[in-house]
Amino acid sequence: MKQIDFEYCNRCKHFRTEDSLLEELAYNEDRYLPELVKKARQEPESSLHKEAVKYLTERLDDLPEAEEDETTDGMFQTEEAQGADAVLGVPAQKIEEINEEDVRQALEDYEHSGLIEIQGGKVIVTSRGVKKLAAGALERILKNLNRQASGPHERERPDFGFTLSPRTRRYETGDDYSLVDIERTALNALSRCGKLEFEPGDFEVREEVEESKLCAGIIIDESGSMRDSNKLEAAMETALALSRLILREPENSLKVYVFSDEVKKIEPWAIVNEVISGGDTDIKAALAAFRRSCRHEYGDKQAYLITDTEPNNEEGRHLPFEKAANGLIEEASRYRREKIGLNIIMLDETPELKILASNIARKNLGRVFFTSPSSLGEVIIEDYLRGRGEGISSLLN
């Protein structure tokens, strides 16, 4: 197993990928400059606000003296007169003067560092910026898990897939019928009696060989409700952290899908730029897309579905819960037949979801978790590490 490399700043000893402004940009629903100007004016706790205020202050300080007297009338009052709304010496009424140039200057260093690009007035996080976000998210999650002293332990069902060996052996009671080698079995019967009349001793099965290669799928619900309570932000951040873990090993493969009433496959680094919430929830189609994509892949196949609602759409048609749930359970059965682990992470606990989760758990090889957005990363990363037999502390050292 490979250790995760994190970047540290030797001067301040802080983890270099922790950047609240970059995170705000990445997980903000609307990144067009006019909307970012509104955010800088209206959200005093945001990092964008604090950075933009610095440039507003510099701009006001650079005004000619006559204009400064007119523009900044009443700015430099006593601290008591300014009150708690003053920020960096700028009273609350002047915050409305933050403009697009102030925001652009706040973003300038990020653009020069190749972390973001501004295209058509919209901020796009580059692949380099996404890698930085992924490293920061993973390090935070691992540190939280380490503090909880919840190191990985052996799982009853190992998360390693199997491939079929060309070698065969005699069938034994309990062997899966899907492993029967039809050709060798038929030849045994023909050799014994000259015709296809089978006896137990004729049957041969192909041996399974444990395979450590991982073919993983991260499937993110982007329907409208996922924007509530930071669910979609938590899902994107967790997906980035998990993708960094999975892609350490060059033999592993990762497929990322986002879905609402339609399903879209995207590159892992495009998560923060291409997820747009809205629409119904066709979970069956999203699961089917991943299942078909890895049908001819070898190794351990694991899907991680992150959602907060029950299915209500199938093939572009809005359906009542019962019909959509039946379709999803059928898809879970296909996962079992094709030996794909289906791990469903639910960000809500309505009675309907609990019943559905119970039925799904009986139909497939994976599990169902109920968790909150604040714990999502820890739940998925810890489960992944347990399945791969890896320790948390070894990744942090």
Protein backbone atom coordinates (compact mmCIF):
# COMPACT_ATOMS: atom_id res chain seq x y z
CA MET A 1 0.00 0.00 0.00
CA LYS A 2 1.21 3.50 -0.75
CA GLN A 3 1.49 6.31 1.77
CA ILE A 4 -0.40 9.53 1.03
CA ASP A 5 1.90 12.48 0.40
CA PHE A 6 0.68 15.73 1.90
CA GLU A 7 2.29 19.11 1.30
CA TYR A 8 3.34 21.21 4.25
CA CYS A 9 4.55 24.79 4.37
CA ASN A 10 7.95 24.79 6.12
CA ARG A 11 7.55 28.41 7.21
CA CYS A 12 4.23 28.12 9.07
CA LYS A 13 4.06 24.31 9.53
CA HIS A 14 0.46 24.31 8.34
CA PHE A 15 -1.05 21.88 5.88
CA ARG A 16 -0.71 23.65 2.57
CA THR A 17 -4.00 22.49 1.04
CA GLU A 18 -6.24 23.95 3.74
CA ASP A 19 -7.73 26.99 2.05
CA SER A 20 -11.16 28.21 3.05
CA LEU A 21 -11.49 30.62 0.12
CA LEU A 22 -10.70 27.93 -2.46
CA GLU A 23 -13.23 25.64 -0.75
CA GLU A 24 -15.87 28.38 -0.81
CA LEU A 25 -15.35 28.86 -4.53
CA ALA A 26 -15.41 25.15 -5.27
CA TYR A 27 -18.62 24.37 -3.41
CA ASN A 28 -20.51 27.59 -4.18
CA GLU A 29 -23.54 26.95 -6.38
CA ASP A 30 -23.11 30.11 -8.47
CA ARG A 31 -19.57 31.22 -9.29
CA TYR A 32 -20.27 34.04 -11.73
CA LEU A 33 -18.53 37.26 -10.67
CA PRO A 34 -21.71 39.33 -10.04
CA GLU A 35 -22.95 36.63 -7.65
CA LEU A 36 -19.57 36.48 -5.93
CA VAL A 37 -19.71 40.25 -5.44
CA LYS A 38 -23.09 39.80 -3.71
CA LYS A 39 -21.60 37.08 -1.53
CA ALA A 40 -18.68 39.32 -0.58
CA ARG A 41 -21.10 42.08 0.43
CA GLN A 42 -23.74 40.01 2.20
CA GLU A 43 -21.84 37.22 3.99
CA PRO A 44 -19.45 38.80 6.51
CA GLU A 45 -18.28 35.40 7.79
CA SER A 46 -17.13 34.25 4.37
CA SER A 47 -13.47 34.20 3.39
CA LEU A 48 -14.34 35.99 0.16
CA HIS A 49 -15.83 38.87 2.16
CA LYS A 50 -12.73 39.20 4.32
CA GLU A 51 -10.37 39.15 1.34
CA ALA A 52 -12.47 41.60 -0.70
CA VAL A 53 -12.63 44.03 2.25
CA LYS A 54 -8.83 44.20 2.27
CA TYR A 55 -8.81 45.43 -1.33
CA LEU A 56 -11.74 47.77 -0.69
CA THR A 57 -9.74 49.32 2.17
CA GLU A 58 -6.67 49.75 -0.06
CA ARG A 59 -8.80 51.28 -2.79
CA LEU A 60 -10.37 53.79 -0.40
CA ASP A 61 -6.96 54.64 1.04
CA ASP A 62 -5.67 55.41 -2.47
CA LEU A 63 -8.43 57.92 -3.27
CA PRO A 64 -7.34 61.57 -3.86
CA GLU A 65 -7.66 63.64 -0.70
CA ALA A 66 -10.72 65.66 -1.78
CA GLU A 67 -12.54 62.59 -3.02
CA GLU A 68 -11.47 60.70 0.09
CA ASP A 69 -13.01 63.36 2.34
CA GLU A 70 -16.31 63.08 0.46
CA THR A 71 -16.33 59.28 0.09
CA THR A 72 -15.11 58.38 3.55
CA ASP A 73 -17.09 60.96 5.50
CA GLY A 74 -17.67 59.52 8.94
CA MET A 75 -15.51 56.45 8.35
CA PHE A 76 -12.85 57.12 10.91
CA GLN A 77 -15.00 57.50 13.98
CA THR A 78 -14.20 56.14 17.39
CA GLU A 79 -14.48 52.40 17.78
CA GLU A 80 -17.58 52.88 19.92
CA ALA A 81 -19.24 55.06 17.26
CA GLN A 82 -18.47 52.62 14.47
CA GLY A 83 -19.97 49.76 16.43
CA ALA A 84 -19.52 46.03 15.90
CA ASP A 85 -20.42 46.19 12.19
CA ALA A 86 -17.10 47.79 11.20
CA VAL A 87 -14.69 45.44 9.42
CA LEU A 88 -10.97 46.27 9.19
CA GLY A 89 -11.82 49.92 9.83
CA VAL A 90 -14.52 49.95 7.14
CA PRO A 91 -18.01 50.66 8.51
CA ALA A 92 -20.91 48.45 7.49
CA GLN A 93 -22.41 51.01 5.12
CA LYS A 94 -19.19 51.04 3.05
CA ILE A 95 -19.23 47.25 2.57
CA GLU A 96 -21.83 47.82 -0.18
CA GLU A 97 -19.04 49.51 -2.16
CA ILE A 98 -17.23 46.19 -2.68
CA ASN A 99 -17.14 45.83 -6.46
CA GLU A 100 -16.07 43.30 -9.06
CA GLU A 101 -12.51 44.64 -9.12
CA ASP A 102 -12.15 43.99 -5.38
CA VAL A 103 -13.32 40.41 -5.89
CA ARG A 104 -11.03 39.91 -8.90
CA GLN A 105 -8.04 41.11 -6.86
CA ALA A 106 -8.99 38.73 -4.03
CA LEU A 107 -8.85 35.89 -6.59
CA GLU A 108 -5.72 37.04 -8.39
CA ASP A 109 -3.22 34.90 -6.45
CA TYR A 110 -5.34 31.79 -7.01
CA GLU A 111 -5.50 32.48 -10.72
CA HIS A 112 -1.74 33.07 -10.98
CA SER A 113 -1.10 29.82 -9.05
CA GLY A 114 -3.17 27.86 -11.56
CA LEU A 115 -5.80 26.87 -8.99
CA ILE A 116 -8.67 28.67 -10.72
CA GLU A 117 -9.48 30.20 -14.10
CA ILE A 118 -12.04 32.89 -14.89
CA GLN A 119 -13.86 31.96 -18.09
CA GLY A 120 -16.70 34.12 -19.38
CA GLY A 121 -17.02 35.81 -16.02
CA LYS A 122 -17.28 32.49 -14.15
CA VAL A 123 -14.72 31.00 -11.76
CA ILE A 124 -13.62 27.48 -12.77
CA VAL A 125 -11.54 25.40 -10.37
CA THR A 126 -8.69 23.78 -12.34
CA SER A 127 -7.56 20.17 -11.99
CA ARG A 128 -4.64 21.47 -9.92
CA GLY A 129 -7.06 23.28 -7.62
CA VAL A 130 -9.23 20.16 -7.29
CA LYS A 131 -6.19 18.06 -6.36
CA LYS A 132 -5.39 20.57 -3.65
CA LEU A 133 -8.97 20.40 -2.35
CA ALA A 134 -8.90 16.59 -2.41
CA ALA A 135 -5.65 16.44 -0.45
CA GLY A 136 -6.99 18.87 2.15
CA ALA A 137 -10.30 17.03 2.51
CA LEU A 138 -8.59 13.66 2.92
CA GLU A 139 -6.13 14.95 5.49
CA ARG A 140 -8.90 16.48 7.60
CA ILE A 141 -10.93 13.28 7.49
CA LEU A 142 -7.95 11.10 8.41
CA LYS A 143 -7.06 13.38 11.32
CA ASN A 144 -10.63 13.23 12.60
CA LEU A 145 -10.62 9.44 12.38
CA ASN A 146 -7.25 9.29 14.10
CA ARG A 147 -8.54 11.43 16.98
CA GLN A 148 -11.52 9.12 17.35
CA ALA A 149 -9.11 6.19 17.67
CA SER A 150 -11.25 4.22 15.27
CA GLY A 151 -8.55 2.47 13.29
CA PRO A 152 -9.56 -0.06 10.67
CA HIS A 153 -10.19 -3.67 11.64
CA GLU A 154 -10.85 -6.85 9.74
CA ARG A 155 -14.23 -6.96 8.04
CA GLU A 156 -16.20 -10.21 7.93
CA ARG A 157 -16.68 -9.86 4.18
CA PRO A 158 -13.37 -8.77 2.61
CA ASP A 159 -13.61 -6.08 -0.02
CA PHE A 160 -11.55 -7.96 -2.59
CA GLY A 161 -13.01 -9.20 -5.83
CA PHE A 162 -12.33 -12.43 -7.63
CA THR A 163 -11.36 -13.38 -11.16
CA LEU A 164 -11.74 -16.89 -12.61
CA SER A 165 -8.70 -19.09 -13.05
CA PRO A 166 -8.26 -21.26 -16.19
CA ARG A 167 -7.73 -24.19 -13.78
CA THR A 168 -10.71 -26.36 -12.86
CA ARG A 169 -11.51 -28.86 -10.13
CA ARG A 170 -14.30 -31.28 -9.26
CA TYR A 171 -17.54 -29.71 -8.06
CA GLU A 172 -17.98 -29.76 -4.28
CA THR A 173 -21.16 -29.22 -2.30
CA GLY A 174 -21.67 -25.51 -1.76
CA ASP A 175 -19.87 -24.34 -4.92
CA ASP A 176 -21.64 -21.60 -6.85
CA TYR A 177 -23.31 -23.05 -9.96
CA SER A 178 -22.16 -19.98 -11.92
CA LEU A 179 -18.58 -21.32 -11.62
CA VAL A 180 -19.36 -24.57 -13.49
CA ASP A 181 -17.11 -25.05 -16.54
CA ILE A 182 -19.68 -26.25 -19.11
CA GLU A 183 -17.11 -27.41 -21.64
CA ARG A 184 -15.08 -29.56 -19.22
CA THR A 185 -18.24 -30.94 -17.64
CA ALA A 186 -19.65 -31.96 -21.03
CA LEU A 187 -16.35 -33.58 -22.04
CA ASN A 188 -16.33 -35.59 -18.80
CA ALA A 189 -19.82 -36.90 -19.51
CA LEU A 190 -18.97 -37.78 -23.14
CA SER A 191 -15.76 -39.50 -22.07
CA ARG A 192 -17.62 -41.55 -19.45
CA CYS A 193 -20.66 -42.72 -21.42
CA GLY A 194 -20.47 -41.24 -24.90
CA LYS A 195 -23.47 -38.94 -24.45
CA LEU A 196 -24.59 -35.88 -22.49
CA GLU A 197 -26.01 -37.66 -19.48
CA PHE A 198 -24.55 -35.98 -16.42
CA GLU A 199 -23.64 -37.45 -13.08
CA PRO A 200 -22.31 -35.47 -10.06
CA GLY A 201 -18.76 -36.59 -10.74
CA ASP A 202 -18.81 -35.04 -14.22
CA PHE A 203 -19.14 -31.48 -12.98
CA GLU A 204 -16.07 -29.27 -12.78
CA VAL A 205 -15.85 -25.67 -11.60
CA ARG A 206 -13.34 -22.96 -12.31
CA GLU A 207 -11.42 -21.72 -9.29
CA GLU A 208 -11.73 -18.15 -8.08
CA VAL A 209 -8.51 -16.18 -7.67
CA GLU A 210 -8.51 -13.27 -5.26
CA GLU A 211 -7.94 -9.99 -7.08
CA SER A 212 -6.83 -6.82 -5.29
CA LYS A 213 -7.43 -4.44 -8.18
CA LEU A 214 -10.31 -2.09 -7.42
CA CYS A 215 -12.89 -0.80 -9.87
CA ALA A 216 -14.79 1.85 -7.90
CA GLY A 217 -17.75 4.04 -8.70
CA ILE A 218 -18.77 7.21 -6.87
CA ILE A 219 -22.39 8.03 -7.70
CA ILE A 220 -23.64 11.40 -6.42
CA ASP A 221 -27.27 12.50 -6.22
CA GLU A 222 -27.52 16.10 -7.45
CA SER A 223 -31.30 16.47 -7.15
CA GLY A 224 -32.63 19.68 -5.64
CA SER A 225 -32.86 18.54 -2.02
CA MET A 226 -29.11 17.81 -1.91
CA ARG A 227 -28.44 21.57 -1.69
CA ASP A 228 -30.09 21.62 1.75
CA SER A 229 -27.94 21.42 4.90
CA ASN A 230 -24.67 21.27 2.94
CA LYS A 231 -25.41 17.73 1.72
CA LEU A 232 -24.11 18.24 -1.80
CA GLU A 233 -21.01 20.05 -0.56
CA ALA A 234 -20.26 17.16 1.82
CA ALA A 235 -20.83 14.64 -0.97
CA MET A 236 -18.46 16.42 -3.36
CA GLU A 237 -15.76 16.85 -0.71
CA THR A 238 -16.02 13.19 0.32
CA ALA A 239 -15.88 12.07 -3.30
CA LEU A 240 -12.68 14.06 -3.80
CA ALA A 241 -11.07 12.55 -0.69
CA LEU A 242 -12.08 9.02 -1.71
CA SER A 243 -10.82 9.54 -5.26
CA ARG A 244 -7.40 10.57 -3.89
CA LEU A 245 -7.23 7.35 -1.87
CA ILE A 246 -8.38 5.08 -4.69
CA LEU A 247 -6.14 6.53 -7.39
CA ARG A 248 -2.94 6.12 -5.36
CA GLU A 249 -2.68 2.69 -6.94
CA PRO A 250 -2.24 2.88 -10.73
CA GLU A 251 -4.06 -0.42 -11.30
CA ASN A 252 -7.24 0.92 -9.68
CA SER A 253 -9.93 2.59 -11.75
CA LEU A 254 -12.50 5.17 -10.67
CA LYS A 255 -15.71 6.18 -12.40
CA VAL A 256 -17.74 9.17 -11.19
CA TYR A 257 -21.41 9.73 -12.00
CA VAL A 258 -23.77 12.53 -11.01
CA PHE A 259 -27.50 12.18 -11.46
CA SER A 260 -30.94 13.64 -10.91
CA ASP A 261 -33.50 12.71 -13.57
CA GLU A 262 -30.56 12.21 -15.96
CA VAL A 263 -27.19 10.51 -15.44
CA LYS A 264 -23.86 12.06 -16.42
CA LYS A 265 -20.39 10.51 -16.22
CA ILE A 266 -17.67 13.01 -15.34
CA GLU A 267 -13.95 13.00 -14.60
CA PRO A 268 -13.07 12.95 -10.86
CA TRP A 269 -11.44 16.39 -11.06
CA ALA A 270 -14.60 17.85 -12.66
CA ILE A 271 -16.85 17.20 -9.64
CA VAL A 272 -16.76 20.77 -8.35
CA ASN A 273 -17.39 22.32 -11.77
CA GLU A 274 -20.10 20.05 -13.18
CA VAL A 275 -22.43 19.27 -10.28
CA ILE A 276 -25.59 21.37 -10.60
CA SER A 277 -28.52 20.51 -8.33
CA GLY A 278 -32.08 20.13 -9.59
CA GLY A 279 -34.62 17.64 -10.94
CA ASP A 280 -36.08 14.29 -9.88
CA THR A 281 -34.11 11.27 -8.64
CA ASP A 282 -33.49 8.30 -10.96
CA ILE A 283 -31.26 6.14 -8.75
CA LYS A 284 -31.82 3.00 -10.81
CA ALA A 285 -30.41 4.59 -13.99
CA ALA A 286 -27.33 5.86 -12.13
CA LEU A 287 -26.57 2.44 -10.65
CA ALA A 288 -27.17 0.76 -14.00
CA ALA A 289 -24.73 3.12 -15.73
CA PHE A 290 -21.89 2.13 -13.40
CA ARG A 291 -22.78 -1.57 -13.50
CA ARG A 292 -22.65 -1.65 -17.31
CA SER A 293 -19.40 0.34 -17.41
CA CYS A 294 -17.50 -2.18 -15.29
CA ARG A 295 -19.10 -5.36 -16.61
CA HIS A 296 -15.91 -6.46 -18.37
CA GLU A 297 -13.47 -5.23 -15.72
CA TYR A 298 -11.62 -7.58 -13.41
CA GLY A 299 -11.08 -7.14 -9.70
CA ASP A 300 -13.11 -5.92 -6.78
CA LYS A 301 -16.06 -3.82 -7.93
CA GLN A 302 -17.52 -1.36 -5.43
CA ALA A 303 -20.15 1.34 -5.92
CA TYR A 304 -20.61 4.21 -3.44
CA LEU A 305 -24.01 5.85 -3.88
CA ILE A 306 -24.61 9.11 -1.95
CA THR A 307 -28.22 10.28 -1.81
CA ASP A 308 -30.74 11.89 0.53
CA THR A 309 -34.06 10.86 -0.94
CA GLU A 310 -36.11 8.00 -2.28
CA PRO A 311 -36.23 7.28 -6.04
CA ASN A 312 -39.06 9.02 -7.90
CA ASN A 313 -38.07 8.79 -11.55
CA GLU A 314 -37.32 6.06 -14.07
CA GLU A 315 -36.41 6.51 -17.74
CA GLY A 316 -37.52 10.14 -17.68
CA ARG A 317 -40.92 9.43 -16.09
CA HIS A 318 -41.94 10.60 -12.64
CA LEU A 319 -43.10 7.55 -10.65
CA PRO A 320 -44.69 6.97 -7.24
CA PHE A 321 -42.32 5.72 -4.58
CA GLU A 322 -43.47 2.09 -4.65
CA LYS A 323 -42.86 1.60 -8.38
CA ALA A 324 -39.52 3.42 -8.39
CA ALA A 325 -38.40 1.45 -5.30
CA ASN A 326 -39.19 -1.87 -7.00
CA GLY A 327 -37.03 -0.86 -9.95
CA LEU A 328 -34.17 0.03 -7.63
CA ILE A 329 -34.44 -3.32 -5.80
CA GLU A 330 -34.29 -5.12 -9.16
CA GLU A 331 -31.09 -3.24 -9.96
CA ALA A 332 -29.64 -4.21 -6.56
CA SER A 333 -30.30 -7.85 -7.46
CA ARG A 334 -28.34 -7.39 -10.69
CA TYR A 335 -25.44 -6.04 -8.63
CA ARG A 336 -25.46 -9.23 -6.60
CA ARG A 337 -25.51 -11.45 -9.68
CA GLU A 338 -22.59 -9.55 -11.20
CA LYS A 339 -20.71 -9.48 -7.87
CA ILE A 340 -20.62 -5.71 -7.44
CA GLY A 341 -20.64 -4.34 -3.91
CA LEU A 342 -23.34 -1.71 -3.52
CA ASN A 343 -22.69 0.71 -0.66
CA ILE A 344 -25.54 3.17 -0.22
CA ILE A 345 -25.00 6.21 1.98
CA MET A 346 -28.30 7.83 2.98
CA LEU A 347 -28.29 11.43 4.22
CA ASP A 348 -31.86 11.21 5.51
CA GLU A 349 -33.77 8.78 7.72
CA THR A 350 -37.41 8.93 6.64
CA PRO A 351 -39.45 5.74 7.30
CA GLU A 352 -39.72 5.08 3.55
CA LEU A 353 -35.95 5.24 3.14
CA LYS A 354 -35.38 2.88 6.06
CA ILE A 355 -37.72 0.28 4.58
CA LEU A 356 -36.11 0.66 1.15
CA ALA A 357 -32.62 0.41 2.65
CA SER A 358 -33.55 -2.80 4.44
CA ASN A 359 -34.82 -4.36 1.20
CA ILE A 360 -31.74 -3.28 -0.73
CA ALA A 361 -29.42 -4.70 1.93
CA ARG A 362 -31.05 -8.11 1.50
CA LYS A 363 -30.64 -8.00 -2.28
CA ASN A 364 -26.99 -7.01 -2.80
CA LEU A 365 -23.46 -7.59 -1.59
CA GLY A 366 -22.98 -4.15 -0.02
CA ARG A 367 -24.34 -2.20 2.93
CA VAL A 368 -26.53 0.79 3.70
CA PHE A 369 -25.37 3.61 5.99
CA PHE A 370 -27.43 6.42 7.49
CA THR A 371 -25.34 9.43 8.38
CA SER A 372 -25.27 13.25 8.43
CA PRO A 373 -23.37 15.57 6.07
CA SER A 374 -20.92 16.42 8.86
CA SER A 375 -19.96 12.74 9.31
CA LEU A 376 -20.19 11.62 5.70
CA GLY A 377 -16.46 11.74 4.96
CA GLU A 378 -15.50 9.80 8.08
CA VAL A 379 -18.09 7.08 7.43
CA ILE A 380 -17.03 6.40 3.84
CA ILE A 381 -13.27 6.75 4.27
CA GLU A 382 -13.20 4.57 7.40
CA ASP A 383 -15.27 1.90 5.68
CA TYR A 384 -13.01 1.99 2.62
CA LEU A 385 -9.87 1.63 4.73
CA ARG A 386 -11.34 -1.25 6.71
CA GLY A 387 -12.19 -3.08 3.53
CA ARG A 388 -8.67 -2.62 2.15
CA GLY A 389 -7.00 -3.51 5.46
CA GLU A 390 -5.20 -0.16 5.77
CA GLY A 391 -4.36 1.85 8.87
CA ILE A 392 -5.08 5.54 9.31
CA SER A 393 -1.87 6.50 11.10
CA SER A 394 0.30 4.99 8.35
CA LEU A 395 -1.31 7.32 5.82
CA LEU A 396 -0.70 10.40 7.96
CA ASN A 397 2.95 9.70 8.78
